[in-house]
């Protein structure tokens, strides 16, 4: 009986949930690859120490964070799917806005450092 109660966790995600999870996973992969090649510096003050310690530790923590958020959304979806879709959409927009801001800040900082004697 307990399994039947928890089958909702196995349901396919709603489109907004899938978009949010995809953005986060693409960010994880791109960040790890670009950091490995020395192309970027992580600007997220929470994730920077993990990435500087190990790309694998960073990837595991980031994946675990995304997985927990996904499971929480999937769990709450039973109560209010419309709210979950709105929060996932808002999360996607905020994620993209924050990532874009940090990315552009990184470009500006690296160009300033490159032009300094």
N, C-alpha and C. Protein backbone atom coordinates (compact mmCIF):
# COMPACT_ATOMS: atom_id res chain seq x y z
N UNK A 1 0.83 -1.20 0.00
CA UNK A 1 0.00 0.00 0.00
C UNK A 1 0.87 1.26 0.00
N UNK A 2 1.97 1.24 0.73
CA UNK A 2 2.83 2.41 0.79
C UNK A 2 3.37 2.76 -0.60
N UNK A 3 3.73 1.72 -1.38
CA UNK A 3 4.23 1.98 -2.73
C UNK A 3 3.17 2.69 -3.57
N UNK A 4 1.94 2.25 -3.47
CA UNK A 4 0.86 2.86 -4.24
C UNK A 4 0.69 4.34 -3.88
N UNK A 5 0.89 4.69 -2.60
CA UNK A 5 0.77 6.08 -2.19
C UNK A 5 1.89 6.94 -2.77
N UNK A 6 3.05 6.33 -3.02
CA UNK A 6 4.20 7.09 -3.48
C UNK A 6 4.42 7.02 -4.99
N UNK A 7 3.52 6.42 -5.73
CA UNK A 7 3.66 6.32 -7.18
C UNK A 7 3.67 7.70 -7.83
N UNK A 8 3.04 8.67 -7.20
CA UNK A 8 3.02 10.02 -7.75
C UNK A 8 4.42 10.55 -7.99
N UNK A 9 5.41 10.08 -7.22
CA UNK A 9 6.79 10.55 -7.39
C UNK A 9 7.38 10.07 -8.72
N UNK A 10 6.79 9.04 -9.30
CA UNK A 10 7.29 8.48 -10.55
C UNK A 10 6.61 9.08 -11.78
N UNK A 11 5.61 9.93 -11.56
CA UNK A 11 4.92 10.55 -12.69
C UNK A 11 5.87 11.42 -13.49
N UNK A 12 5.58 11.54 -14.78
CA UNK A 12 6.36 12.44 -15.63
C UNK A 12 6.19 13.87 -15.12
N UNK A 13 7.24 14.67 -15.21
CA UNK A 13 7.13 16.05 -14.74
C UNK A 13 6.22 16.87 -15.64
N UNK A 14 5.68 17.93 -15.08
CA UNK A 14 4.95 18.88 -15.92
C UNK A 14 5.99 19.62 -16.77
N UNK A 15 5.53 20.30 -17.81
CA UNK A 15 6.46 21.01 -18.69
C UNK A 15 7.31 22.04 -17.92
N UNK A 16 6.70 22.89 -17.06
CA UNK A 16 7.53 23.84 -16.31
C UNK A 16 8.55 23.15 -15.39
N UNK A 17 8.18 22.02 -14.80
CA UNK A 17 9.13 21.29 -13.96
C UNK A 17 10.29 20.76 -14.80
N UNK A 18 9.97 20.23 -15.98
CA UNK A 18 11.00 19.69 -16.87
C UNK A 18 11.94 20.79 -17.35
N UNK A 19 11.37 21.96 -17.64
CA UNK A 19 12.19 23.09 -18.09
C UNK A 19 13.15 23.52 -16.98
N UNK A 20 12.66 23.66 -15.77
CA UNK A 20 13.51 24.06 -14.65
C UNK A 20 14.63 23.04 -14.41
N UNK A 21 14.29 21.78 -14.38
CA UNK A 21 15.30 20.74 -14.17
C UNK A 21 16.31 20.73 -15.31
N UNK A 22 15.85 20.93 -16.53
CA UNK A 22 16.76 20.94 -17.68
C UNK A 22 17.73 22.11 -17.62
N UNK A 23 17.23 23.28 -17.26
CA UNK A 23 18.09 24.46 -17.13
C UNK A 23 19.18 24.19 -16.10
N UNK A 24 18.79 23.64 -14.97
CA UNK A 24 19.75 23.37 -13.90
C UNK A 24 20.78 22.33 -14.32
N UNK A 25 20.35 21.29 -15.02
CA UNK A 25 21.29 20.25 -15.44
C UNK A 25 22.23 20.74 -16.54
N UNK A 26 21.70 21.55 -17.46
CA UNK A 26 22.56 22.14 -18.49
C UNK A 26 23.58 23.07 -17.83
N UNK A 27 23.15 23.84 -16.86
CA UNK A 27 24.07 24.71 -16.13
C UNK A 27 25.16 23.89 -15.44
N UNK A 28 24.78 22.80 -14.82
CA UNK A 28 25.75 21.93 -14.15
C UNK A 28 26.80 21.44 -15.15
N UNK A 29 26.36 20.92 -16.28
CA UNK A 29 27.28 20.35 -17.27
C UNK A 29 28.17 21.43 -17.88
N UNK A 30 27.56 22.55 -18.29
CA UNK A 30 28.33 23.63 -18.92
C UNK A 30 29.34 24.22 -17.94
N UNK A 31 28.91 24.44 -16.70
CA UNK A 31 29.81 25.00 -15.69
C UNK A 31 30.99 24.06 -15.46
N UNK A 32 30.73 22.78 -15.28
CA UNK A 32 31.81 21.83 -15.03
C UNK A 32 32.79 21.77 -16.21
N UNK A 33 32.26 21.71 -17.43
CA UNK A 33 33.13 21.63 -18.60
C UNK A 33 33.96 22.91 -18.79
N UNK A 34 33.30 24.06 -18.67
CA UNK A 34 34.03 25.31 -18.87
C UNK A 34 35.06 25.55 -17.75
N UNK A 35 34.73 25.14 -16.55
CA UNK A 35 35.68 25.29 -15.44
C UNK A 35 36.89 24.38 -15.66
N UNK A 36 36.63 23.16 -16.12
CA UNK A 36 37.72 22.20 -16.37
C UNK A 36 38.71 22.74 -17.40
N UNK A 37 38.21 23.50 -18.37
CA UNK A 37 39.09 24.04 -19.41
C UNK A 37 39.70 25.38 -19.02
N UNK A 38 39.33 25.89 -17.85
CA UNK A 38 39.86 27.17 -17.39
C UNK A 38 39.20 28.36 -18.06
N UNK A 39 38.05 28.14 -18.66
CA UNK A 39 37.37 29.21 -19.39
C UNK A 39 36.53 30.12 -18.50
N UNK A 40 36.18 29.65 -17.30
CA UNK A 40 35.33 30.45 -16.42
C UNK A 40 35.83 30.38 -14.99
N UNK A 41 35.34 31.32 -14.21
CA UNK A 41 35.49 31.31 -12.76
C UNK A 41 34.07 31.28 -12.21
N UNK A 42 33.81 30.40 -11.28
CA UNK A 42 32.46 30.29 -10.69
C UNK A 42 32.20 31.53 -9.84
N UNK A 43 31.12 32.24 -10.13
CA UNK A 43 30.78 33.44 -9.38
C UNK A 43 29.79 33.18 -8.25
N UNK A 44 29.15 32.03 -8.25
CA UNK A 44 28.22 31.69 -7.18
C UNK A 44 29.03 31.42 -5.91
N UNK A 45 28.87 32.27 -4.90
CA UNK A 45 29.70 32.13 -3.70
C UNK A 45 29.43 30.84 -2.91
N UNK A 46 28.28 30.21 -3.12
CA UNK A 46 27.99 28.95 -2.44
C UNK A 46 28.63 27.76 -3.16
N UNK A 47 28.69 27.83 -4.47
CA UNK A 47 29.20 26.70 -5.25
C UNK A 47 30.70 26.82 -5.57
N UNK A 48 31.24 28.03 -5.52
CA UNK A 48 32.65 28.23 -5.87
C UNK A 48 33.60 27.35 -5.05
N UNK A 49 33.46 27.30 -3.71
CA UNK A 49 34.40 26.45 -2.95
C UNK A 49 34.30 24.97 -3.33
N UNK A 50 33.11 24.52 -3.65
CA UNK A 50 32.94 23.12 -4.05
C UNK A 50 33.63 22.86 -5.38
N UNK A 51 33.46 23.77 -6.32
CA UNK A 51 34.06 23.61 -7.64
C UNK A 51 35.58 23.71 -7.55
N UNK A 52 36.07 24.61 -6.71
CA UNK A 52 37.52 24.74 -6.54
C UNK A 52 38.11 23.50 -5.88
N UNK A 53 37.33 22.85 -5.03
CA UNK A 53 37.79 21.62 -4.38
C UNK A 53 37.82 20.46 -5.37
N UNK A 54 36.73 20.28 -6.11
CA UNK A 54 36.63 19.16 -7.05
C UNK A 54 35.43 19.36 -7.95
N UNK A 55 35.64 19.14 -9.23
CA UNK A 55 34.52 19.23 -10.17
C UNK A 55 33.48 18.17 -9.85
N UNK A 56 33.93 17.00 -9.42
CA UNK A 56 33.00 15.91 -9.09
C UNK A 56 32.17 16.24 -7.86
N UNK A 57 32.78 16.84 -6.84
CA UNK A 57 32.02 17.23 -5.65
C UNK A 57 30.98 18.27 -6.03
N UNK A 58 31.39 19.25 -6.82
CA UNK A 58 30.47 20.27 -7.31
C UNK A 58 29.29 19.62 -8.04
N UNK A 59 29.60 18.70 -8.97
CA UNK A 59 28.55 18.06 -9.77
C UNK A 59 27.60 17.24 -8.89
N UNK A 60 28.14 16.53 -7.92
CA UNK A 60 27.29 15.73 -7.04
C UNK A 60 26.37 16.60 -6.18
N UNK A 61 26.92 17.66 -5.61
CA UNK A 61 26.11 18.55 -4.77
C UNK A 61 25.06 19.26 -5.61
N UNK A 62 25.45 19.74 -6.78
CA UNK A 62 24.50 20.43 -7.66
C UNK A 62 23.39 19.47 -8.11
N UNK A 63 23.77 18.25 -8.50
CA UNK A 63 22.77 17.27 -8.93
C UNK A 63 21.84 16.92 -7.78
N UNK A 64 22.40 16.73 -6.59
CA UNK A 64 21.58 16.40 -5.42
C UNK A 64 20.61 17.54 -5.12
N UNK A 65 21.06 18.78 -5.23
CA UNK A 65 20.19 19.94 -4.99
C UNK A 65 19.04 19.97 -5.99
N UNK A 66 19.36 19.75 -7.25
CA UNK A 66 18.33 19.73 -8.30
C UNK A 66 17.35 18.59 -8.06
N UNK A 67 17.88 17.42 -7.69
CA UNK A 67 17.02 16.25 -7.45
C UNK A 67 16.08 16.48 -6.28
N UNK A 68 16.58 17.06 -5.20
CA UNK A 68 15.73 17.34 -4.04
C UNK A 68 14.64 18.35 -4.40
N UNK A 69 15.01 19.41 -5.11
CA UNK A 69 14.02 20.40 -5.52
C UNK A 69 12.95 19.76 -6.41
N UNK A 70 13.38 18.91 -7.33
CA UNK A 70 12.44 18.22 -8.21
C UNK A 70 11.49 17.33 -7.40
N UNK A 71 12.03 16.58 -6.46
CA UNK A 71 11.19 15.70 -5.64
C UNK A 71 10.20 16.48 -4.78
N UNK A 72 10.62 17.62 -4.26
CA UNK A 72 9.72 18.46 -3.47
C UNK A 72 8.58 18.97 -4.36
N UNK A 73 8.93 19.43 -5.56
CA UNK A 73 7.89 19.90 -6.49
C UNK A 73 6.95 18.76 -6.86
N UNK A 74 7.52 17.60 -7.12
CA UNK A 74 6.70 16.45 -7.48
C UNK A 74 5.77 16.05 -6.32
N UNK A 75 6.27 16.13 -5.10
CA UNK A 75 5.47 15.79 -3.92
C UNK A 75 4.33 16.80 -3.74
N UNK A 76 4.65 18.10 -3.84
CA UNK A 76 3.63 19.12 -3.62
C UNK A 76 2.64 19.20 -4.77
N UNK A 77 3.02 18.69 -5.89
CA UNK A 77 2.15 18.68 -7.07
C UNK A 77 0.82 17.98 -6.79
N UNK A 78 0.82 17.01 -5.89
CA UNK A 78 -0.43 16.32 -5.52
C UNK A 78 -1.42 17.29 -4.89
N UNK A 79 -0.90 18.28 -4.19
CA UNK A 79 -1.74 19.24 -3.49
C UNK A 79 -2.21 20.36 -4.40
N UNK A 80 -1.26 20.91 -5.20
CA UNK A 80 -1.60 22.08 -6.02
C UNK A 80 -0.69 22.14 -7.25
N UNK A 81 -1.10 21.46 -8.30
CA UNK A 81 -0.27 21.39 -9.51
C UNK A 81 -0.11 22.76 -10.17
N UNK A 82 -1.15 23.57 -10.12
CA UNK A 82 -1.06 24.91 -10.72
C UNK A 82 0.01 25.75 -10.02
N UNK A 83 0.06 25.68 -8.70
CA UNK A 83 1.08 26.41 -7.95
C UNK A 83 2.48 25.90 -8.31
N UNK A 84 2.63 24.59 -8.39
CA UNK A 84 3.92 24.00 -8.74
C UNK A 84 4.37 24.48 -10.11
N UNK A 85 3.45 24.53 -11.06
CA UNK A 85 3.80 25.02 -12.39
C UNK A 85 4.20 26.50 -12.37
N UNK A 86 3.48 27.29 -11.59
CA UNK A 86 3.84 28.72 -11.48
C UNK A 86 5.21 28.89 -10.82
N UNK A 87 5.46 28.13 -9.76
CA UNK A 87 6.73 28.27 -9.05
C UNK A 87 7.89 27.76 -9.91
N UNK A 88 7.65 26.70 -10.68
CA UNK A 88 8.70 26.18 -11.57
C UNK A 88 8.99 27.18 -12.69
N UNK A 89 7.96 27.82 -13.21
CA UNK A 89 8.14 28.84 -14.24
C UNK A 89 8.92 30.03 -13.68
N UNK A 90 8.52 30.50 -12.50
CA UNK A 90 9.23 31.61 -11.86
C UNK A 90 10.67 31.21 -11.56
N UNK A 91 10.88 29.99 -11.10
CA UNK A 91 12.23 29.51 -10.83
C UNK A 91 13.08 29.48 -12.09
N UNK A 92 12.50 29.06 -13.20
CA UNK A 92 13.23 29.04 -14.47
C UNK A 92 13.64 30.44 -14.89
N UNK A 93 12.70 31.38 -14.79
CA UNK A 93 13.00 32.77 -15.17
C UNK A 93 14.06 33.37 -14.26
N UNK A 94 13.95 33.13 -12.96
CA UNK A 94 14.94 33.64 -12.02
C UNK A 94 16.31 33.01 -12.27
N UNK A 95 16.34 31.71 -12.54
CA UNK A 95 17.58 31.00 -12.81
C UNK A 95 18.28 31.60 -14.03
N UNK A 96 17.51 31.80 -15.11
CA UNK A 96 18.09 32.37 -16.33
C UNK A 96 18.57 33.80 -16.09
N UNK A 97 17.79 34.59 -15.36
CA UNK A 97 18.19 35.97 -15.08
C UNK A 97 19.47 36.01 -14.25
N UNK A 98 19.54 35.20 -13.22
CA UNK A 98 20.72 35.17 -12.36
C UNK A 98 21.93 34.65 -13.13
N UNK A 99 21.75 33.59 -13.90
CA UNK A 99 22.86 33.03 -14.67
C UNK A 99 23.37 34.06 -15.68
N UNK A 100 22.45 34.73 -16.36
CA UNK A 100 22.85 35.74 -17.34
C UNK A 100 23.61 36.88 -16.68
N UNK A 101 23.12 37.33 -15.53
CA UNK A 101 23.80 38.41 -14.79
C UNK A 101 25.21 37.99 -14.39
N UNK A 102 25.34 36.79 -13.83
CA UNK A 102 26.67 36.31 -13.42
C UNK A 102 27.58 36.09 -14.63
N UNK A 103 27.01 35.57 -15.71
CA UNK A 103 27.81 35.34 -16.92
C UNK A 103 28.34 36.66 -17.46
N UNK A 104 27.47 37.66 -17.59
CA UNK A 104 27.90 38.96 -18.10
C UNK A 104 28.88 39.64 -17.13
N UNK A 105 28.65 39.50 -15.84
CA UNK A 105 29.59 40.04 -14.85
C UNK A 105 30.96 39.40 -15.00
N UNK A 106 30.97 38.09 -15.21
CA UNK A 106 32.23 37.38 -15.41
C UNK A 106 32.96 37.84 -16.65
N UNK A 107 32.22 38.07 -17.73
CA UNK A 107 32.84 38.58 -18.95
C UNK A 107 33.45 39.96 -18.73
N UNK A 108 32.71 40.81 -18.04
CA UNK A 108 33.20 42.17 -17.76
C UNK A 108 34.44 42.11 -16.88
N UNK A 109 34.39 41.30 -15.82
CA UNK A 109 35.54 41.17 -14.92
C UNK A 109 36.76 40.62 -15.65
N UNK A 110 36.56 39.62 -16.48
CA UNK A 110 37.72 39.05 -17.18
C UNK A 110 38.28 40.01 -18.21
N UNK A 111 37.43 40.82 -18.84
CA UNK A 111 37.96 41.80 -19.81
C UNK A 111 38.71 42.92 -19.10
N UNK A 112 38.23 43.29 -17.91
CA UNK A 112 38.95 44.32 -17.11
C UNK A 112 40.29 43.78 -16.68
N UNK A 113 40.31 42.54 -16.20
CA UNK A 113 41.58 41.93 -15.75
C UNK A 113 42.55 41.75 -16.92
N UNK A 114 42.03 41.43 -18.09
CA UNK A 114 42.88 41.22 -19.25
C UNK A 114 43.49 42.54 -19.73
N UNK A 115 42.77 43.64 -19.54
CA UNK A 115 43.29 44.94 -20.01
C UNK A 115 44.17 45.62 -18.97
N UNK A 116 44.20 45.10 -17.75
CA UNK A 116 45.05 45.68 -16.70
C UNK A 116 46.49 45.24 -16.92
N UNK A 117 47.43 46.19 -16.70
CA UNK A 117 48.85 45.84 -16.89
C UNK A 117 49.37 44.95 -15.79
